[in-house]
């Protein structure tokens, strides 16, 4: 029962993290910068993995999609690939978790369900790591340009999407580790059972050897007694 509760907690953690990771991919504010002036001229510049936009104080946004994937900066291409990989890994991890959890009626034997559960945990751990690496690469580029005194173009700051991605990746990794630990608990129970079985076998073998030795002694005494009587 405790193992089932652990799996449910891990499933809630991983699904929450995967939802945050999935919502990070289309989120607007990966990096943001504001140009302050009067109320009329205030503008906010922001970008994500797909487009760059500017929003004025009236809420009107003008956006420009990135023209060509091959003409993009390398770090944006890497972040796109990692985020899409994270979403796909989390999707397959959720399916494996639903099939492998003990509270579901599908998945086959207990051994098969345990293997599916740990495989789901690895999927979620990889999903969280991919998202964490993507957000860290993007954040490093922003901070490098911001603190570079020779960078004369417009400087940006970290957007809300990066923090959402980091939070989702942490939840995915934690949930995946809990899935793997729940399987290790099952292994410890089986190991304890095997140790008890070995101990019982050794004890039975010792009893058998003692019984055999006693029978041999009795047989020897009977033979000696028979020899004495025959001699007399």
Protein backbone atom coordinates (compact mmCIF):
# COMPACT_ATOMS: atom_id res chain seq x y z
CA UNK A 1 0.00 0.00 0.00
CA UNK A 2 2.84 2.37 0.81
CA UNK A 3 4.53 1.61 -2.48
CA UNK A 4 1.31 2.43 -4.32
CA UNK A 5 1.01 5.77 -2.50
CA UNK A 6 4.63 6.55 -3.40
CA UNK A 7 3.90 5.88 -7.06
CA UNK A 8 0.84 8.16 -6.96
CA UNK A 9 2.90 10.98 -5.44
CA UNK A 10 5.60 10.47 -8.09
CA UNK A 11 2.95 10.50 -10.83
CA UNK A 12 1.50 13.80 -9.58
CA UNK A 13 4.96 15.36 -9.41
CA UNK A 14 5.95 14.24 -12.90
CA UNK A 15 2.66 15.21 -14.55
CA UNK A 16 2.77 18.66 -12.93
CA UNK A 17 6.35 19.10 -14.09
CA UNK A 18 5.55 17.92 -17.61
CA UNK A 19 2.63 20.38 -17.85
CA UNK A 20 4.95 23.22 -16.84
CA UNK A 21 7.61 22.08 -19.32
CA UNK A 22 5.02 21.85 -22.11
CA UNK A 23 3.67 25.30 -21.32
CA UNK A 24 7.18 26.76 -21.43
CA UNK A 25 7.67 25.91 -25.11
CA UNK A 26 5.04 28.35 -26.51
CA UNK A 27 5.34 30.93 -23.70
CA UNK A 28 6.13 34.44 -24.93
CA UNK A 29 8.55 35.92 -22.41
CA UNK A 30 11.80 33.99 -22.67
CA UNK A 31 13.70 37.27 -22.62
CA UNK A 32 12.31 40.75 -22.05
CA UNK A 33 13.48 44.34 -22.14
CA UNK A 34 11.67 47.61 -21.50
CA UNK A 35 12.27 51.09 -22.91
CA UNK A 36 10.87 53.58 -20.42
CA UNK A 37 9.82 57.11 -21.21
CA UNK A 38 6.47 58.79 -21.03
CA UNK A 39 3.36 56.64 -20.69
CA UNK A 40 2.77 56.83 -24.43
CA UNK A 41 6.26 55.89 -25.55
CA UNK A 42 6.90 53.02 -23.10
CA UNK A 43 7.56 49.77 -24.99
CA UNK A 44 8.38 46.22 -24.02
CA UNK A 45 10.56 44.05 -26.24
CA UNK A 46 10.37 40.31 -25.77
CA UNK A 47 11.33 37.14 -27.59
CA UNK A 48 10.85 33.39 -27.35
CA UNK A 49 12.01 30.43 -29.42
CA UNK A 50 9.77 31.29 -32.35
CA UNK A 51 9.43 35.06 -32.72
CA UNK A 52 10.45 38.48 -31.47
CA UNK A 53 7.89 41.14 -30.57
CA UNK A 54 7.41 44.64 -29.20
CA UNK A 55 4.40 45.69 -27.12
CA UNK A 56 3.55 49.34 -26.48
CA UNK A 57 1.79 50.82 -23.48
CA UNK A 58 -1.62 50.38 -25.10
CA UNK A 59 -1.16 46.59 -25.30
CA UNK A 60 -0.69 46.45 -29.08
CA UNK A 61 2.00 43.96 -30.13
CA UNK A 62 3.95 43.83 -33.34
CA UNK A 63 5.66 40.49 -33.88
CA UNK A 64 8.10 39.11 -36.36
CA UNK A 65 8.60 35.40 -36.79
CA UNK A 66 12.12 34.14 -37.22
CA UNK A 67 12.51 33.97 -41.00
CA UNK A 68 14.50 30.77 -41.41
CA UNK A 69 15.42 27.92 -39.10
CA UNK A 70 18.79 27.53 -40.79
CA UNK A 71 19.58 31.22 -40.29
CA UNK A 72 18.90 31.13 -36.55
CA UNK A 73 21.55 31.36 -33.89
CA UNK A 74 22.84 27.97 -32.82
CA UNK A 75 21.68 28.32 -29.22
CA UNK A 76 18.05 28.87 -30.32
CA UNK A 77 18.15 25.76 -32.49
CA UNK A 78 19.59 23.74 -29.62
CA UNK A 79 16.96 25.05 -27.21
CA UNK A 80 14.18 24.20 -29.65
CA UNK A 81 15.42 20.64 -30.06
CA UNK A 82 15.87 20.11 -26.33
CA UNK A 83 12.43 21.49 -25.44
CA UNK A 84 10.65 19.39 -28.06
CA UNK A 85 12.58 16.33 -26.83
CA UNK A 86 11.57 17.12 -23.25
CA UNK A 87 7.88 17.31 -24.17
CA UNK A 88 8.02 14.03 -26.13
CA UNK A 89 9.88 12.18 -23.36
CA UNK A 90 7.38 13.40 -20.78
CA UNK A 91 4.46 12.24 -22.93
CA UNK A 92 5.82 8.72 -23.32
CA UNK A 93 6.82 8.68 -19.66
CA UNK A 94 3.23 9.48 -18.63
CA UNK A 95 1.90 6.60 -20.75
CA UNK A 96 4.43 4.17 -19.27
CA UNK A 97 3.58 5.36 -15.76
CA UNK A 98 -0.14 4.79 -16.28
CA UNK A 99 0.52 1.27 -17.55
CA UNK A 100 3.14 0.37 -14.93
CA UNK A 101 1.60 1.76 -11.73
CA UNK A 102 0.15 -0.75 -9.29
CA UNK A 103 -3.15 1.13 -9.04
CA UNK A 104 -3.95 0.35 -12.70
CA UNK A 105 -5.25 -2.97 -14.02
CA UNK A 106 -3.19 -3.07 -17.21
CA UNK A 107 0.44 -3.82 -17.87
CA UNK A 108 0.75 -7.55 -17.20
CA UNK A 109 2.59 -9.16 -14.31
CA UNK A 110 4.08 -7.35 -11.33
CA UNK A 111 7.59 -7.72 -12.73
CA UNK A 112 6.58 -6.19 -16.07
CA UNK A 113 4.75 -3.32 -14.35
CA UNK A 114 7.80 -2.63 -12.19
CA UNK A 115 10.03 -2.45 -15.27
CA UNK A 116 7.60 -0.09 -16.99
CA UNK A 117 7.52 2.11 -13.89
CA UNK A 118 11.29 2.49 -13.71
CA UNK A 119 11.41 3.11 -17.48
CA UNK A 120 8.85 5.87 -16.97
CA UNK A 121 11.06 7.33 -14.24
CA UNK A 122 14.03 7.44 -16.60
CA UNK A 123 11.89 9.16 -19.25
CA UNK A 124 10.84 11.86 -16.83
CA UNK A 125 14.38 12.37 -15.54
CA UNK A 126 15.65 12.82 -19.11
CA UNK A 127 12.74 15.15 -19.87
CA UNK A 128 13.58 17.33 -16.86
CA UNK A 129 17.27 17.40 -17.74
CA UNK A 130 16.56 18.41 -21.36
CA UNK A 131 14.33 21.29 -20.25
CA UNK A 132 16.81 22.39 -17.59
CA UNK A 133 19.69 22.41 -20.07
CA UNK A 134 17.64 24.35 -22.65
CA UNK A 135 16.61 27.03 -20.16
CA UNK A 136 20.15 27.27 -18.80
CA UNK A 137 21.68 27.70 -22.27
CA UNK A 138 19.19 30.45 -23.11
CA UNK A 139 19.71 32.18 -19.75
CA UNK A 140 23.48 32.01 -20.11
CA UNK A 141 23.30 33.77 -23.48
CA UNK A 142 21.14 36.53 -21.98
CA UNK A 143 23.39 37.09 -18.97
CA UNK A 144 26.56 36.98 -21.09
CA UNK A 145 25.27 39.73 -23.38
CA UNK A 146 23.90 41.75 -20.46
CA UNK A 147 27.17 41.87 -18.53
CA UNK A 148 29.39 42.28 -21.60
CA UNK A 149 30.58 45.92 -21.73
CA UNK A 150 31.42 45.59 -25.42
CA UNK A 151 27.88 44.47 -26.36
CA UNK A 152 26.24 47.62 -27.75
CA UNK A 153 22.92 46.16 -28.96
CA UNK A 154 19.78 46.06 -26.87
CA UNK A 155 20.20 44.07 -23.69
CA UNK A 156 17.55 41.69 -22.33
CA UNK A 157 16.74 40.13 -18.98
CA UNK A 158 15.48 36.70 -17.97
CA UNK A 159 11.83 36.13 -18.80
CA UNK A 160 9.15 34.29 -16.85
CA UNK A 161 9.26 31.30 -19.20
CA UNK A 162 12.75 30.35 -18.00
CA UNK A 163 11.66 30.16 -14.37
CA UNK A 164 8.60 28.10 -15.31
CA UNK A 165 10.83 25.73 -17.25
CA UNK A 166 13.27 25.35 -14.37
CA UNK A 167 10.43 24.61 -11.95
CA UNK A 168 8.91 22.02 -14.29
CA UNK A 169 12.25 20.33 -14.87
CA UNK A 170 12.88 20.02 -11.12
CA UNK A 171 9.47 18.42 -10.60
CA UNK A 172 10.08 15.97 -13.45
CA UNK A 173 13.47 14.93 -12.07
CA UNK A 174 12.15 14.54 -8.52
CA UNK A 175 9.15 12.50 -9.67
CA UNK A 176 11.34 10.30 -11.86
CA UNK A 177 13.69 9.62 -8.95
CA UNK A 178 10.74 8.68 -6.73
CA UNK A 179 9.59 6.21 -9.41
CA UNK A 180 13.03 4.61 -9.45
CA UNK A 181 13.21 4.49 -5.63
CA UNK A 182 9.81 2.82 -5.46
CA UNK A 183 11.22 0.00 -7.59
CA UNK A 184 14.29 -0.28 -5.36
CA UNK A 185 11.99 -0.80 -2.38
CA UNK A 186 10.46 -3.75 -4.19
CA UNK A 187 13.92 -5.13 -4.85
CA UNK A 188 14.81 -4.80 -1.15
CA UNK A 189 11.72 -6.76 -0.17
CA UNK A 190 12.53 -9.48 -2.65
CA UNK A 191 16.15 -9.51 -1.47
CA UNK A 192 15.06 -9.90 2.14
CA UNK A 193 12.79 -12.75 1.13
CA UNK A 194 15.62 -14.44 -0.73
CA UNK A 195 17.94 -14.06 2.28
CA UNK A 196 15.30 -15.61 4.52
CA UNK A 197 14.89 -18.45 2.04
CA UNK A 198 18.63 -19.08 1.95
CA UNK A 199 18.78 -19.02 5.76
CA UNK A 200 15.93 -21.52 5.99
CA UNK A 201 17.65 -23.77 3.47
CA UNK A 202 20.92 -23.64 5.39
CA UNK A 203 19.14 -24.38 8.65
CA UNK A 204 17.29 -27.34 7.12
CA UNK A 205 20.55 -28.66 5.67
CA UNK A 206 22.26 -28.41 9.06
CA UNK A 207 19.41 -30.28 10.71
CA UNK A 208 19.62 -32.96 8.04
CA UNK A 209 23.37 -33.33 8.52
CA UNK A 210 22.97 -33.56 12.31
CA UNK A 211 20.28 -36.20 11.91
CA UNK A 212 22.46 -38.13 9.49
CA UNK A 213 25.43 -38.03 11.87
CA UNK A 214 23.29 -39.25 14.76
CA UNK A 215 21.98 -42.13 12.65
CA UNK A 216 25.53 -43.07 11.70
CA UNK A 217 26.56 -43.05 15.37
CA UNK A 218 23.61 -45.22 16.36
CA UNK A 219 24.39 -47.62 13.53
CA UNK A 220 28.02 -47.81 14.67
CA UNK A 221 27.04 -48.50 18.26
CA UNK A 222 24.63 -51.23 17.17
CA UNK A 223 27.31 -52.86 15.04
CA UNK A 224 29.84 -52.80 17.88
CA UNK A 225 27.30 -54.25 20.30
CA UNK A 226 26.43 -56.95 17.78
CA UNK A 227 30.12 -57.79 17.42
CA UNK A 228 30.60 -58.15 21.17
CA UNK A 229 27.58 -60.44 21.50
CA UNK A 230 28.78 -62.57 18.63
CA UNK A 231 32.23 -62.91 20.15
CA UNK A 232 30.80 -63.97 23.51
